[in-house]
Amino acid sequence: MITSITKFKLPSPISQAEAKDIFLSTAPNYKKLSGLIRKCYVIFDEGHSVGGIYLWESREDAEAVYTESWKEFVREKYGSEPEITYLETPVIVDNILNEIIS
């Protein structure tokens, strides 16, 4: 499994309520996305940046989403170039499912 972290700087800081409204507007785009296990929307730097933490079945699944058209969507929506970090994720503790996944 792969975890990816995306981060986008904003032209001006936003509140948690504003971020939630924006996140809810894009969340349906990620439902049933091939290879995506989970996505968490996040706020960085006291609202100066936003992004997501994704858990993917594979890096190939993640890279299939982070295309040039996805990056253009981010540029238009948030006004900045997205940063993407990939992390190998060999073990997950899931307290909701009460499982250790490897």
Protein backbone atom coordinates (compact mmCIF):
# COMPACT_ATOMS: atom_id res chain seq x y z
CA MET A 1 0.00 0.00 0.00
CA ILE A 2 0.99 3.60 -0.54
CA THR A 3 0.12 6.74 1.38
CA SER A 4 0.22 9.99 -0.51
CA ILE A 5 0.09 13.44 1.01
CA THR A 6 -0.96 16.37 -1.13
CA LYS A 7 -0.58 20.01 -0.14
CA PHE A 8 -1.72 23.21 -1.85
CA LYS A 9 -0.85 26.72 -0.70
CA LEU A 10 -3.77 29.14 -0.66
CA PRO A 11 -3.70 32.81 -1.69
CA SER A 12 -5.13 33.69 1.74
CA PRO A 13 -5.88 31.61 4.82
CA ILE A 14 -9.29 29.99 5.22
CA SER A 15 -11.26 28.92 8.27
CA GLN A 16 -12.10 25.33 9.13
CA ALA A 17 -15.73 26.00 8.10
CA GLU A 18 -14.65 27.39 4.71
CA ALA A 19 -12.32 24.44 4.18
CA LYS A 20 -15.08 21.99 5.05
CA ASP A 21 -17.39 23.55 2.44
CA ILE A 22 -14.67 23.29 -0.22
CA PHE A 23 -13.82 19.72 0.75
CA LEU A 24 -17.45 18.63 0.66
CA SER A 25 -17.73 20.08 -2.87
CA THR A 26 -14.95 17.78 -4.15
CA ALA A 27 -15.46 14.71 -1.94
CA PRO A 28 -17.91 12.98 -4.34
CA ASN A 29 -15.14 12.93 -6.98
CA TYR A 30 -13.22 10.44 -4.82
CA LYS A 31 -15.99 7.95 -4.03
CA LYS A 32 -15.36 4.55 -5.61
CA LEU A 33 -12.12 5.80 -7.19
CA SER A 34 -10.10 2.82 -8.41
CA GLY A 35 -7.43 1.84 -5.91
CA LEU A 36 -8.34 4.48 -3.30
CA ILE A 37 -8.90 2.98 0.13
CA ARG A 38 -9.36 6.17 2.15
CA LYS A 39 -8.93 9.93 1.84
CA CYS A 40 -8.64 12.44 4.68
CA TYR A 41 -8.93 16.13 3.84
CA VAL A 42 -6.52 18.22 5.93
CA ILE A 43 -5.71 21.83 6.79
CA PHE A 44 -2.05 22.85 7.16
CA ASP A 45 -0.37 25.95 8.53
CA GLU A 46 -3.42 27.45 10.25
CA GLY A 47 -5.41 27.56 7.03
CA HIS A 48 -2.65 28.80 4.72
CA SER A 49 -2.55 25.42 2.95
CA VAL A 50 -4.91 22.49 2.47
CA GLY A 51 -4.57 19.00 1.07
CA GLY A 52 -5.24 15.35 1.57
CA ILE A 53 -3.83 12.18 3.02
CA TYR A 54 -4.71 9.20 0.83
CA LEU A 55 -4.28 5.48 1.31
CA TRP A 56 -3.93 3.65 -2.01
CA GLU A 57 -3.68 0.00 -2.97
CA SER A 58 -0.58 0.87 -5.07
CA ARG A 59 1.54 3.79 -6.23
CA GLU A 60 0.31 3.14 -9.77
CA ASP A 61 -3.27 3.75 -8.59
CA ALA A 62 -2.21 7.05 -7.03
CA GLU A 63 -0.22 8.18 -10.05
CA ALA A 64 -3.17 7.37 -12.31
CA VAL A 65 -5.13 10.07 -10.46
CA TYR A 66 -2.42 12.73 -10.10
CA THR A 67 -2.46 13.51 -13.82
CA GLU A 68 -1.86 16.84 -15.50
CA SER A 69 -5.64 17.42 -15.63
CA TRP A 70 -5.86 16.78 -11.85
CA LYS A 71 -3.02 19.25 -11.27
CA GLU A 72 -4.80 21.81 -13.47
CA PHE A 73 -7.98 21.31 -11.42
CA VAL A 74 -5.97 22.01 -8.25
CA ARG A 75 -4.37 25.12 -9.81
CA GLU A 76 -7.80 26.46 -10.78
CA LYS A 77 -9.50 25.53 -7.47
CA TYR A 78 -6.73 26.57 -5.07
CA GLY A 79 -4.45 28.86 -7.08
CA SER A 80 -1.21 26.96 -6.53
CA GLU A 81 0.88 24.04 -7.71
CA PRO A 82 0.15 20.84 -5.75
CA GLU A 83 2.91 19.14 -3.78
CA ILE A 84 2.70 15.33 -3.65
CA THR A 85 4.65 13.08 -1.27
CA TYR A 86 4.54 9.27 -1.49
CA LEU A 87 5.17 6.98 1.49
CA GLU A 88 5.40 3.19 1.53
CA THR A 89 2.77 1.89 3.95
CA PRO A 90 3.57 -1.71 4.91
CA VAL A 91 1.33 -1.97 8.02
CA ILE A 92 -1.88 -0.23 9.08
CA VAL A 93 -3.63 -0.44 12.44
CA ASP A 94 -7.36 0.05 11.86
CA ASN A 95 -9.24 0.52 15.12
CA ILE A 96 -12.62 0.80 13.39
CA LEU A 97 -12.28 -2.63 11.78
CA ASN A 98 -10.22 -3.86 14.74
CA GLU A 99 -7.57 -5.15 12.32
CA ILE A 100 -3.89 -4.93 11.56
CA ILE A 101 -3.52 -4.81 7.78
CA SER A 102 -0.31 -5.67 5.95
